[in-house]
Amino acid sequence: MQGEILKLKDIPQNEVPERLKVNFYFDFNKYPFRHRDLFERQEINSVISVLEAIHPYACEWIQKSLQEKKNSSTVKELSPQAFKGKSTGNFVIYVEDGAIFEPSFIKGSLKDKGHTLFIGKDTHLTGASVFLDEGDIYIGENNVIESGVGIKGPTIIGNKNEIRQGAYFRGDVIIGDGGTYRGEIKNGVMMDKANFPHPSYVGDSICGYATHFGNQATTANLGIYAGISGKKNVVIVVQEKKYDIGRPKIGIILGDYSQVGCNSVSDPGVFVGPNTIFYSLCRISKGFYGPNEVLKNKPLEKGIIERAPLKI
């Protein structure tokens, strides 16, 4: 193995290893995604660089979409005065006809005019807490957002999602359509029909079409020794070459239709190809898995995690 550590962000896109390319994990032609443009921005040379682009993309997309919605006669504007006793600071709310918006608390900005929340038609948000002090929030149509949910901007939520009590979207979050959520998400993209219905943590991660986390499955996005030795950029090895990914935090890259079983945990820097299944109780070490693979925790029989082809 070569000793030199290459800086991934400096490598031209056509020289990036296949296992680090966006299209190795996600098939946007087969499973169209509203936010495909995020993955095709000029600065994107690998699937990892998408993580740095989430914040600017979300801010730009929300502003553009808000402008389009504000020009519609079906949108009603609400000011902080409409939420006296359960809000603080400055913010603006736009509610589309047919939506129900009854939050438990709204946190706005004490420094400036604050940010904006848009609620699409037939979305029901009742008893959730909304944080508009650091970014805008856009929520699409026909979502059910239960009591006890927390949403912090900038966040984009698509259509027809079920967001269950206890879910916490901590900002820089992009949610597709038709998913189910209950865990905590930070700086992540969850594509259409992603299914994360139980307590879990997904940070600095990208999860593809119809991906799934079982109950209590979670990602680690920062090395366990970072508090002692300092936050150092993650280094990964691909085809016997070392790459500095340019950031100390990375969770999981989970390809289309892949699943992580109950009570499993992934180390920082786990890359999972499409159609890959981890059984319950797996400790998933940094590295590359799949596509089309089944992984089981069998320490008594194997001494390590067993790997076998996935037959569909």
Protein backbone atom coordinates (compact mmCIF):
# COMPACT_ATOMS: atom_id res chain seq x y z
CA MET A 1 0.00 0.00 0.00
CA GLN A 2 1.30 3.41 -0.92
CA GLY A 3 2.23 5.67 1.96
CA GLU A 4 1.09 8.90 0.32
CA ILE A 5 -2.31 10.21 1.42
CA LEU A 6 -4.21 11.84 -1.44
CA LYS A 7 -6.61 14.68 -0.83
CA LEU A 8 -9.91 13.54 -2.30
CA LYS A 9 -11.26 17.03 -2.96
CA ASP A 10 -8.31 17.80 -5.25
CA ILE A 11 -8.82 14.78 -7.51
CA PRO A 12 -10.63 15.34 -10.84
CA GLN A 13 -14.00 13.61 -11.03
CA ASN A 14 -12.88 11.28 -13.81
CA GLU A 15 -10.02 10.02 -11.63
CA VAL A 16 -12.10 9.33 -8.51
CA PRO A 17 -12.40 5.58 -7.75
CA GLU A 18 -15.69 4.00 -8.79
CA ARG A 19 -16.51 3.13 -5.17
CA LEU A 20 -16.55 6.84 -4.30
CA LYS A 21 -18.78 7.99 -7.15
CA VAL A 22 -22.41 9.01 -6.67
CA ASN A 23 -23.79 6.68 -9.32
CA PHE A 24 -22.27 3.62 -7.66
CA TYR A 25 -24.79 4.03 -4.82
CA PHE A 26 -27.81 5.80 -6.31
CA ASP A 27 -29.66 5.21 -9.59
CA PHE A 28 -31.50 8.46 -10.29
CA ASN A 29 -32.73 7.22 -13.66
CA LYS A 30 -34.47 4.25 -12.09
CA TYR A 31 -35.51 6.11 -8.93
CA PRO A 32 -35.90 9.82 -9.78
CA PHE A 33 -35.16 12.20 -6.92
CA ARG A 34 -36.37 15.79 -6.72
CA HIS A 35 -33.00 16.92 -5.40
CA ARG A 36 -30.82 15.19 -7.95
CA ASP A 37 -29.27 18.59 -8.72
CA LEU A 38 -27.54 18.45 -5.34
CA PHE A 39 -25.47 15.52 -6.58
CA GLU A 40 -24.63 17.18 -9.88
CA ARG A 41 -23.35 20.55 -8.66
CA GLN A 42 -20.10 21.71 -10.18
CA GLU A 43 -18.12 21.20 -6.98
CA ILE A 44 -19.18 17.55 -6.58
CA ASN A 45 -16.38 15.13 -7.46
CA SER A 46 -17.41 12.24 -5.17
CA VAL A 47 -20.29 11.05 -3.04
CA ILE A 48 -18.46 12.44 0.00
CA SER A 49 -18.33 15.98 -1.37
CA VAL A 50 -22.15 15.95 -1.42
CA LEU A 51 -22.07 16.25 2.38
CA GLU A 52 -20.41 19.67 2.13
CA ALA A 53 -22.99 20.83 -0.43
CA ILE A 54 -26.13 20.01 1.58
CA HIS A 55 -26.25 23.32 3.46
CA PRO A 56 -25.84 25.73 0.53
CA TYR A 57 -28.10 23.66 -1.69
CA ALA A 58 -30.88 23.51 0.92
CA CYS A 59 -30.73 27.25 1.55
CA GLU A 60 -30.86 28.07 -2.17
CA TRP A 61 -33.61 25.56 -2.97
CA ILE A 62 -35.85 26.73 -0.13
CA GLN A 63 -35.49 30.40 -1.08
CA LYS A 64 -36.39 29.66 -4.70
CA SER A 65 -39.36 27.50 -3.73
CA LEU A 66 -40.60 30.02 -1.17
CA GLN A 67 -40.62 32.76 -3.78
CA GLU A 68 -42.71 30.60 -6.07
CA LYS A 69 -45.17 29.74 -3.30
CA LYS A 70 -45.50 33.33 -2.04
CA ASN A 71 -46.82 34.33 -5.45
CA SER A 72 -49.70 31.90 -5.04
CA SER A 73 -53.10 33.13 -3.81
CA THR A 74 -53.58 29.87 -1.88
CA VAL A 75 -50.91 30.76 0.70
CA LYS A 76 -51.68 32.56 3.95
CA GLU A 77 -48.96 34.51 5.79
CA LEU A 78 -48.77 34.34 9.59
CA SER A 79 -46.62 36.55 11.83
CA PRO A 80 -45.30 35.93 15.38
CA GLN A 81 -48.36 37.73 16.76
CA ALA A 82 -50.46 34.74 15.72
CA PHE A 83 -48.47 32.53 18.09
CA LYS A 84 -48.27 34.61 21.26
CA GLY A 85 -47.51 32.53 24.31
CA LYS A 86 -45.85 29.73 22.38
CA SER A 87 -43.16 31.48 20.36
CA THR A 88 -40.13 33.71 20.74
CA GLY A 89 -38.20 35.91 18.31
CA ASN A 90 -38.90 36.85 14.72
CA PHE A 91 -40.07 34.57 11.91
CA VAL A 92 -42.59 34.27 9.09
CA ILE A 93 -44.98 31.38 8.43
CA TYR A 94 -46.68 30.56 5.13
CA VAL A 95 -49.50 28.03 5.26
CA GLU A 96 -51.07 26.62 2.12
CA ASP A 97 -54.80 25.97 1.93
CA GLY A 98 -55.80 22.68 3.53
CA ALA A 99 -52.80 22.52 5.86
CA ILE A 100 -53.15 22.33 9.65
CA PHE A 101 -50.41 24.13 11.58
CA GLU A 102 -50.69 23.96 15.37
CA PRO A 103 -47.13 23.87 16.76
CA SER A 104 -46.25 23.51 20.41
CA PHE A 105 -43.46 26.10 20.14
CA ILE A 106 -41.69 28.25 17.53
CA LYS A 107 -38.22 29.63 18.11
CA GLY A 108 -37.37 32.61 15.90
CA SER A 109 -34.39 34.93 15.73
CA LEU A 110 -33.63 37.58 18.33
CA LYS A 111 -31.01 39.21 16.08
CA ASP A 112 -32.81 39.87 12.78
CA LYS A 113 -36.10 39.32 10.97
CA GLY A 114 -35.67 35.58 11.33
CA HIS A 115 -36.36 32.79 8.89
CA THR A 116 -39.38 31.36 7.13
CA LEU A 117 -41.45 28.20 7.38
CA PHE A 118 -43.66 26.95 4.56
CA ILE A 119 -46.34 24.30 5.14
CA GLY A 120 -47.79 22.60 2.04
CA LYS A 121 -51.42 21.74 1.48
CA ASP A 122 -52.99 18.91 3.47
CA THR A 123 -49.96 18.60 5.73
CA HIS A 124 -50.89 18.23 9.40
CA LEU A 125 -48.35 19.53 11.91
CA THR A 126 -49.68 19.40 15.46
CA GLY A 127 -47.71 19.69 18.67
CA ALA A 128 -44.28 19.84 17.04
CA SER A 129 -41.50 22.31 17.89
CA VAL A 130 -40.12 24.47 15.07
CA PHE A 131 -36.73 26.22 15.20
CA LEU A 132 -36.38 29.11 12.74
CA ASP A 133 -33.42 30.85 14.36
CA GLU A 134 -30.76 29.39 12.04
CA GLY A 135 -32.48 28.56 8.76
CA ASP A 136 -35.66 28.24 6.71
CA ILE A 137 -37.88 25.17 6.66
CA TYR A 138 -39.90 23.90 3.72
CA ILE A 139 -42.50 21.18 4.28
CA GLY A 140 -44.34 19.77 1.28
CA GLU A 141 -47.80 18.28 0.88
CA ASN A 142 -49.73 15.52 2.66
CA ASN A 143 -47.27 14.99 5.51
CA VAL A 144 -48.27 13.88 8.99
CA ILE A 145 -46.00 15.41 11.65
CA GLU A 146 -46.86 14.22 15.12
CA SER A 147 -46.63 15.85 18.51
CA GLY A 148 -43.14 15.82 20.00
CA VAL A 149 -41.27 16.23 16.71
CA GLY A 150 -38.49 18.86 16.50
CA ILE A 151 -37.53 20.50 13.19
CA LYS A 152 -34.62 22.91 12.87
CA GLY A 153 -33.78 24.84 9.71
CA PRO A 154 -32.50 24.63 7.13
CA THR A 155 -34.60 21.55 6.42
CA ILE A 156 -36.54 20.34 3.38
CA ILE A 157 -39.30 17.77 3.80
CA GLY A 158 -40.95 16.34 0.69
CA ASN A 159 -44.47 14.91 0.33
CA LYS A 160 -46.45 12.11 1.99
CA ASN A 161 -44.07 11.42 4.85
CA GLU A 162 -45.01 10.12 8.29
CA ILE A 163 -42.85 11.84 10.90
CA ARG A 164 -43.44 10.22 14.25
CA GLN A 165 -43.23 11.46 17.80
CA GLY A 166 -39.61 11.82 18.89
CA ALA A 167 -38.12 12.59 15.48
CA TYR A 168 -35.57 15.42 15.50
CA PHE A 169 -34.32 17.00 12.30
CA ARG A 170 -31.31 19.04 13.44
CA GLY A 171 -30.74 21.13 10.34
CA ASP A 172 -29.11 20.66 6.92
CA VAL A 173 -31.60 17.86 6.35
CA ILE A 174 -33.22 16.90 3.04
CA ILE A 175 -36.09 14.41 3.14
CA GLY A 176 -37.66 12.90 0.02
CA ASP A 177 -41.20 11.58 -0.45
CA GLY A 178 -43.11 8.69 1.07
CA GLY A 179 -40.81 7.95 4.02
CA THR A 180 -41.26 7.18 7.71
CA TYR A 181 -39.10 8.74 10.43
CA ARG A 182 -38.69 8.71 14.19
CA GLY A 183 -34.96 9.17 14.85
CA GLU A 184 -32.48 12.04 14.82
CA ILE A 185 -31.01 13.29 11.54
CA LYS A 186 -28.28 15.89 11.06
CA ASN A 187 -26.62 17.01 7.82
CA GLY A 188 -28.13 14.18 5.83
CA VAL A 189 -30.09 13.29 2.73
CA MET A 190 -32.85 10.68 2.89
CA MET A 191 -34.25 9.79 -0.52
CA ASP A 192 -37.77 8.72 -1.48
CA LYS A 193 -39.36 5.87 0.50
CA ALA A 194 -36.54 5.83 3.03
CA ASN A 195 -37.78 4.03 6.11
CA PHE A 196 -36.30 5.06 9.48
CA PRO A 197 -39.34 4.50 11.70
CA HIS A 198 -37.63 3.77 15.03
CA PRO A 199 -35.19 5.52 17.40
CA SER A 200 -31.86 5.93 15.60
CA TYR A 201 -29.21 8.50 14.72
CA VAL A 202 -28.16 9.34 11.17
CA GLY A 203 -25.51 12.05 10.94
CA ASP A 204 -23.42 13.28 7.99
CA SER A 205 -24.93 10.53 5.88
CA ILE A 206 -26.73 9.88 2.59
CA CYS A 207 -29.35 7.15 2.39
CA GLY A 208 -30.78 6.07 -0.95
CA TYR A 209 -34.13 4.94 -2.30
CA ALA A 210 -36.12 2.61 -0.02
CA THR A 211 -33.29 2.27 2.49
CA HIS A 212 -34.11 1.12 6.01
CA PHE A 213 -32.78 1.20 9.57
CA GLY A 214 -34.14 -1.29 12.11
CA ASN A 215 -34.95 -0.35 15.69
CA GLN A 216 -32.02 1.28 17.53
CA ALA A 217 -29.68 0.99 14.54
CA THR A 218 -27.39 3.99 14.45
CA THR A 219 -24.46 5.67 12.74
CA ALA A 220 -21.32 6.94 14.41
CA ASN A 221 -20.12 9.98 12.50
CA LEU A 222 -17.05 10.91 14.55
CA GLY A 223 -14.20 8.69 15.73
CA ILE A 224 -14.35 7.59 19.36
CA TYR A 225 -10.88 9.02 20.10
CA ALA A 226 -11.64 12.45 18.64
CA GLY A 227 -12.21 13.90 22.10
CA ILE A 228 -8.68 12.90 23.12
CA SER A 229 -6.59 13.26 19.98
CA GLY A 230 -8.60 15.98 18.27
CA LYS A 231 -10.81 15.92 15.22
CA LYS A 232 -8.75 14.62 12.34
CA ASN A 233 -9.98 14.06 8.80
CA VAL A 234 -11.09 10.52 8.05
CA VAL A 235 -8.73 8.56 5.81
CA ILE A 236 -10.12 5.70 3.71
CA VAL A 237 -8.37 3.11 1.58
CA VAL A 238 -9.59 2.29 -1.94
CA GLN A 239 -7.64 -0.04 -4.22
CA GLU A 240 -4.56 0.25 -1.98
CA LYS A 241 -4.57 4.04 -2.14
CA LYS A 242 -5.20 6.26 0.87
CA TYR A 243 -7.59 9.20 0.59
CA ASP A 244 -8.08 12.07 3.03
CA ILE A 245 -11.81 12.79 2.60
CA GLY A 246 -11.41 16.39 3.82
CA ARG A 247 -13.70 16.16 6.86
CA PRO A 248 -13.58 14.56 10.33
CA LYS A 249 -17.26 13.65 10.32
CA ILE A 250 -18.92 11.11 8.08
CA GLY A 251 -21.56 8.55 8.90
CA ILE A 252 -22.86 6.08 6.33
CA ILE A 253 -23.38 6.14 2.58
CA LEU A 254 -26.25 3.69 2.10
CA GLY A 255 -27.08 2.62 -1.45
CA ASP A 256 -30.56 2.09 -2.85
CA TYR A 257 -32.60 -0.65 -1.15
CA SER A 258 -29.95 -1.41 1.49
CA GLN A 259 -30.89 -2.17 5.10
CA VAL A 260 -29.24 -2.07 8.53
CA GLY A 261 -30.70 -4.43 11.13
CA CYS A 262 -31.81 -3.69 14.67
CA ASN A 263 -29.18 -2.60 17.21
CA SER A 264 -26.43 -2.40 14.61
CA VAL A 265 -23.92 0.44 14.61
CA SER A 266 -21.75 1.70 11.78
CA ASP A 267 -18.33 3.28 12.27
CA PRO A 268 -17.52 6.64 10.65
CA GLY A 269 -16.84 6.06 6.96
CA VAL A 270 -19.04 3.11 6.01
CA PHE A 271 -19.91 2.79 2.32
CA VAL A 272 -22.69 0.36 1.43
CA GLY A 273 -23.54 -0.53 -2.16
CA PRO A 274 -27.14 -1.12 -3.30
CA ASN A 275 -29.16 -4.17 -2.22
CA THR A 276 -27.03 -4.94 0.82
CA ILE A 277 -28.43 -6.25 4.11
CA PHE A 278 -26.85 -6.19 7.57
CA TYR A 279 -28.45 -8.51 10.11
CA SER A 280 -29.15 -7.37 13.66
CA LEU A 281 -26.34 -6.67 16.14
CA CYS A 282 -23.66 -5.96 13.55
CA ARG A 283 -20.74 -3.68 14.35
CA ILE A 284 -20.01 -2.34 10.87
CA SER A 285 -16.37 -1.29 10.63
CA LYS A 286 -15.15 1.51 8.38
CA GLY A 287 -14.92 0.29 4.82
CA PHE A 288 -16.83 -0.87 1.77
CA TYR A 289 -19.68 -3.38 1.58
CA GLY A 290 -21.95 -4.68 -1.15
CA PRO A 291 -23.53 -4.39 -3.57
CA ASN A 292 -25.84 -7.42 -3.40
CA GLU A 293 -24.50 -8.82 -0.16
CA VAL A 294 -25.77 -10.19 3.16
CA LEU A 295 -23.72 -9.62 6.33
CA LYS A 296 -24.33 -11.46 9.61
CA ASN A 297 -22.78 -11.18 13.05
CA LYS A 298 -21.60 -14.75 13.78
CA PRO A 299 -18.70 -14.50 16.23
CA LEU A 300 -19.08 -18.05 17.58
CA GLU A 301 -19.03 -19.72 14.17
CA LYS A 302 -16.92 -17.33 12.12
CA GLY A 303 -15.04 -15.11 14.55
CA ILE A 304 -15.96 -12.21 12.30
CA ILE A 305 -18.98 -10.98 10.40
CA GLU A 306 -19.98 -13.50 7.77
CA ARG A 307 -20.33 -12.19 4.21
CA ALA A 308 -22.38 -13.96 1.56
CA PRO A 309 -23.87 -13.11 -1.86
CA LEU A 310 -27.42 -11.79 -1.94
CA LYS A 311 -29.65 -13.88 -4.21
CA ILE A 312 -32.82 -12.15 -5.37
